[in-house]
N, C-alpha and C. Protein backbone atom coordinates (compact mmCIF):
# COMPACT_ATOMS: atom_id res chain seq x y z
N MET A 1 77.56 95.66 84.49
CA MET A 1 78.79 96.67 84.56
C MET A 1 77.88 97.74 85.87
N GLN A 2 78.92 97.90 87.10
CA GLN A 2 77.84 98.85 88.32
C GLN A 2 78.80 100.09 88.07
N ALA A 3 77.74 101.18 87.55
CA ALA A 3 78.58 102.37 87.70
C ALA A 3 79.03 102.90 89.00
N THR A 4 79.93 104.06 88.71
CA THR A 4 80.36 104.80 90.16
C THR A 4 80.47 106.23 90.02
N ASN A 5 80.82 106.63 91.16
CA ASN A 5 80.69 108.13 91.18
C ASN A 5 81.88 108.63 90.32
N HIS A 6 82.87 107.79 90.17
CA HIS A 6 84.18 108.08 89.35
C HIS A 6 84.01 108.10 87.92
N PRO A 7 83.85 108.51 86.91
CA PRO A 7 83.83 108.66 85.60
C PRO A 7 84.92 107.48 84.69
N PHE A 8 85.90 107.07 85.68
CA PHE A 8 86.69 105.98 84.78
C PHE A 8 86.67 104.98 85.52
N ILE A 9 85.89 104.71 87.14
CA ILE A 9 86.10 103.58 87.73
C ILE A 9 84.33 102.45 87.30
N VAL A 10 84.60 101.60 87.09
CA VAL A 10 83.39 100.37 87.19
C VAL A 10 83.88 99.67 87.70
N ILE A 11 82.52 98.45 87.94
CA ILE A 11 82.79 97.47 89.13
C ILE A 11 82.16 96.52 88.01
N GLU A 12 82.88 95.67 87.81
CA GLU A 12 82.39 94.48 86.65
C GLU A 12 81.91 92.73 87.62
N SER A 13 81.22 92.62 87.58
CA SER A 13 81.04 91.15 88.22
C SER A 13 81.80 90.03 87.65
N LYS A 14 81.91 90.03 86.79
CA LYS A 14 82.95 88.77 86.16
C LYS A 14 84.30 89.28 85.86
N VAL A 15 85.12 90.27 86.36
CA VAL A 15 86.43 91.07 85.94
C VAL A 15 86.93 91.15 87.41
N ARG A 16 88.25 90.62 87.76
CA ARG A 16 88.78 90.87 88.92
C ARG A 16 88.01 90.77 90.43
N GLY A 17 87.31 89.69 90.38
CA GLY A 17 86.47 89.53 91.68
C GLY A 17 85.63 90.51 92.06
N ASN A 18 85.16 91.01 91.19
CA ASN A 18 84.09 92.34 91.90
C ASN A 18 84.51 93.57 92.20
N HIS A 19 85.93 93.26 91.98
CA HIS A 19 86.87 94.52 92.68
C HIS A 19 86.79 95.97 91.56
N PRO A 20 86.42 96.80 92.02
CA PRO A 20 86.56 98.44 91.30
C PRO A 20 87.78 98.44 90.49
N ILE A 21 87.66 98.67 88.79
CA ILE A 21 88.72 98.49 88.00
C ILE A 21 89.00 99.70 86.93
N ILE A 22 89.45 100.41 86.64
CA ILE A 22 89.63 101.30 85.72
C ILE A 22 89.12 100.63 84.23
N ARG A 23 88.01 101.69 83.86
CA ARG A 23 87.23 101.57 82.62
C ARG A 23 87.86 101.18 81.37
N GLY A 24 87.85 99.68 80.71
CA GLY A 24 88.00 99.62 79.63
C GLY A 24 89.59 99.00 79.72
N THR A 25 89.86 98.83 80.97
CA THR A 25 91.37 98.17 80.91
C THR A 25 91.43 96.36 81.60
N GLY A 26 90.44 96.70 82.66
CA GLY A 26 90.81 95.27 83.26
C GLY A 26 91.92 96.05 84.79
N MET A 27 92.14 96.93 85.34
CA MET A 27 93.06 96.94 85.47
C MET A 27 92.26 97.25 87.30
N ARG A 28 92.63 96.78 88.50
CA ARG A 28 91.77 96.99 89.40
C ARG A 28 92.64 98.52 89.83
N VAL A 29 91.80 99.08 90.41
CA VAL A 29 91.95 100.08 91.51
C VAL A 29 92.95 100.20 92.50
N LEU A 30 92.63 98.86 93.09
CA LEU A 30 93.63 98.47 94.19
C LEU A 30 95.06 98.06 93.86
N ASP A 31 95.49 97.83 92.31
CA ASP A 31 96.76 97.66 91.82
C ASP A 31 97.44 98.91 91.94
N VAL A 32 96.86 100.44 91.51
CA VAL A 32 97.10 101.35 91.28
C VAL A 32 97.76 101.99 93.04
N VAL A 33 96.67 101.97 93.42
CA VAL A 33 96.74 102.22 95.24
C VAL A 33 97.87 101.69 95.80
N ILE A 34 98.32 100.42 95.39
CA ILE A 34 99.12 99.53 96.22
C ILE A 34 100.56 100.56 95.62
N GLU A 35 100.54 100.55 94.00
CA GLU A 35 102.17 101.36 93.55
C GLU A 35 102.49 102.30 94.15
N TYR A 36 101.31 103.41 94.36
CA TYR A 36 101.59 104.53 94.50
C TYR A 36 101.65 104.67 96.55
N VAL A 37 100.72 104.26 96.81
CA VAL A 37 100.61 104.49 98.55
C VAL A 37 101.63 103.76 99.15
N TYR A 38 102.04 102.30 98.70
CA TYR A 38 102.34 101.30 99.70
C TYR A 38 104.06 101.34 99.37
N LYS A 39 103.74 101.01 97.70
CA LYS A 39 105.47 101.09 97.19
C LYS A 39 106.12 102.31 96.81
N GLY A 40 105.40 103.40 97.07
CA GLY A 40 105.78 104.73 96.56
C GLY A 40 106.30 105.10 95.79
N TYR A 41 105.84 104.07 94.21
CA TYR A 41 106.00 104.86 93.03
C TYR A 41 105.04 106.14 92.69
N PRO A 42 106.16 107.38 91.95
CA PRO A 42 105.69 108.23 91.69
C PRO A 42 104.39 107.85 90.41
N ILE A 43 103.78 109.44 90.28
CA ILE A 43 102.90 108.56 89.14
C ILE A 43 102.80 108.41 87.65
N ASP A 44 104.12 109.24 87.63
CA ASP A 44 105.43 109.37 86.34
C ASP A 44 106.05 107.96 86.59
N GLN A 45 105.89 107.05 87.08
CA GLN A 45 106.65 106.25 87.16
C GLN A 45 105.47 104.91 86.77
N ILE A 46 104.27 105.23 87.63
CA ILE A 46 103.17 104.08 87.28
C ILE A 46 102.62 103.95 85.82
N LEU A 47 102.68 105.70 85.04
CA LEU A 47 102.63 105.82 84.07
C LEU A 47 103.28 104.89 83.02
N ASP A 48 104.47 104.94 83.37
CA ASP A 48 105.65 104.31 82.44
C ASP A 48 105.37 102.99 82.45
N TYR A 49 105.14 102.08 83.73
CA TYR A 49 104.96 101.03 84.01
C TYR A 49 103.52 100.33 83.10
N HIS A 50 102.24 101.37 82.86
CA HIS A 50 100.93 101.21 82.06
C HIS A 50 101.03 102.04 81.84
N PRO A 51 101.35 101.73 80.29
CA PRO A 51 101.11 103.11 79.21
C PRO A 51 100.09 103.21 78.62
N HIS A 52 99.06 102.40 78.98
CA HIS A 52 97.71 102.12 78.72
C HIS A 52 96.96 102.92 79.59
N LEU A 53 97.08 103.49 80.50
CA LEU A 53 96.71 104.06 81.69
C LEU A 53 97.00 105.95 81.21
N THR A 54 95.77 106.47 81.37
CA THR A 54 96.14 107.99 81.19
C THR A 54 96.03 108.66 82.56
N LEU A 55 96.60 109.79 82.37
CA LEU A 55 96.92 110.38 83.73
C LEU A 55 95.47 110.69 84.97
N PRO A 56 94.80 111.38 83.91
CA PRO A 56 93.22 111.02 84.66
C PRO A 56 92.69 109.46 85.13
N GLN A 57 93.30 108.46 84.48
CA GLN A 57 92.28 107.45 84.79
C GLN A 57 93.10 107.00 86.74
N ILE A 58 94.29 107.44 86.43
CA ILE A 58 95.06 107.09 87.66
C ILE A 58 94.33 108.14 88.45
N HIS A 59 94.77 108.97 88.40
CA HIS A 59 94.29 110.54 89.74
C HIS A 59 92.53 109.92 90.04
N ASP A 60 91.72 109.46 88.93
CA ASP A 60 90.32 108.77 89.76
C ASP A 60 90.77 107.54 90.58
N ALA A 61 91.25 106.96 90.07
CA ALA A 61 91.26 105.28 90.50
C ALA A 61 92.06 105.65 91.97
N LEU A 62 93.20 106.85 92.51
CA LEU A 62 93.30 106.95 93.62
C LEU A 62 92.16 107.57 94.68
N SER A 63 91.87 108.79 93.86
CA SER A 63 90.24 109.26 94.34
C SER A 63 89.77 108.15 94.83
N SER A 64 88.99 107.56 93.93
CA SER A 64 87.74 106.62 94.08
C SER A 64 88.34 105.36 95.61
N ASN A 65 89.56 105.85 95.50
CA ASN A 65 89.86 104.32 96.76
C ASN A 65 89.85 105.27 98.28
N PHE A 66 90.38 106.87 98.23
CA PHE A 66 90.20 107.52 99.79
C PHE A 66 88.61 108.05 99.76
N HIS A 67 87.87 108.01 98.76
CA HIS A 67 86.34 108.21 99.15
C HIS A 67 85.91 107.25 99.60
N THR A 68 86.36 106.22 99.34
CA THR A 68 85.69 104.64 99.62
C THR A 68 86.26 104.16 100.82
N GLU A 69 87.10 104.03 101.17
CA GLU A 69 87.73 103.43 102.30
C GLU A 69 87.65 104.22 103.21
N THR A 70 87.56 103.69 104.78
CA THR A 70 87.88 104.61 105.96
C THR A 70 89.37 104.56 106.12
N PRO A 71 89.96 105.52 107.06
CA PRO A 71 91.60 105.33 107.12
C PRO A 71 91.67 103.88 107.86
N ARG A 72 90.74 103.64 108.93
CA ARG A 72 91.53 102.36 109.36
C ARG A 72 91.64 101.70 108.60
N ALA A 73 90.65 101.03 107.59
CA ALA A 73 90.60 100.26 106.30
C ALA A 73 91.99 100.59 105.80
N ARG A 74 92.30 101.38 105.31
CA ARG A 74 93.33 101.63 104.66
C ARG A 74 94.91 101.21 105.56
N SER A 75 94.58 101.72 106.46
CA SER A 75 95.75 101.16 107.57
C SER A 75 95.70 99.35 107.47
N LYS A 76 94.86 98.99 107.92
CA LYS A 76 94.62 97.18 107.85
C LYS A 76 95.30 97.00 106.62
N HIS A 77 94.47 97.22 105.45
CA HIS A 77 94.99 97.06 104.52
C HIS A 77 96.14 97.62 104.04
N GLY A 78 97.19 98.48 104.51
CA GLY A 78 98.28 98.87 104.15
C GLY A 78 99.40 97.81 104.96
N GLU A 79 98.91 97.80 106.37
CA GLU A 79 99.85 96.65 106.81
C GLU A 79 100.23 95.14 106.38
N LYS A 80 99.12 94.82 105.84
CA LYS A 80 99.17 93.61 105.23
C LYS A 80 100.07 93.52 103.72
N ILE A 81 99.98 94.56 103.28
CA ILE A 81 101.13 94.73 102.23
C ILE A 81 102.15 94.75 102.44
N ARG A 82 102.46 95.51 103.53
CA ARG A 82 103.80 95.87 103.84
C ARG A 82 104.42 94.55 104.03
N MET A 83 103.76 93.47 104.74
CA MET A 83 103.89 92.17 105.35
C MET A 83 104.43 91.56 104.43
N GLN A 84 103.70 91.69 103.02
CA GLN A 84 104.17 90.76 101.79
C GLN A 84 104.75 91.18 100.89
N THR A 85 105.17 92.31 100.89
CA THR A 85 106.06 93.20 100.20
C THR A 85 107.76 93.26 100.68
N PRO A 86 108.81 92.28 99.74
CA PRO A 86 109.77 92.25 100.04
C PRO A 86 110.84 93.84 100.30
């Protein structure tokens, strides 16, 4: 397990293809970002969809993503997701 600068985020080589996940859940940070940024779900709705997550975990996931991705990478990734989302 590789620690990060975020208390709820880790990278485990055998879990989710080496993507950052929320500690103890197996849920990718990317999944939270997709729901919040690209699908436009408010945080309360994300909590309803994922009752095993806490508000601090969601905030940390979003924070970790925006600290590690460049704006250009977010833009390219967002375009790819928008093309795949009905």
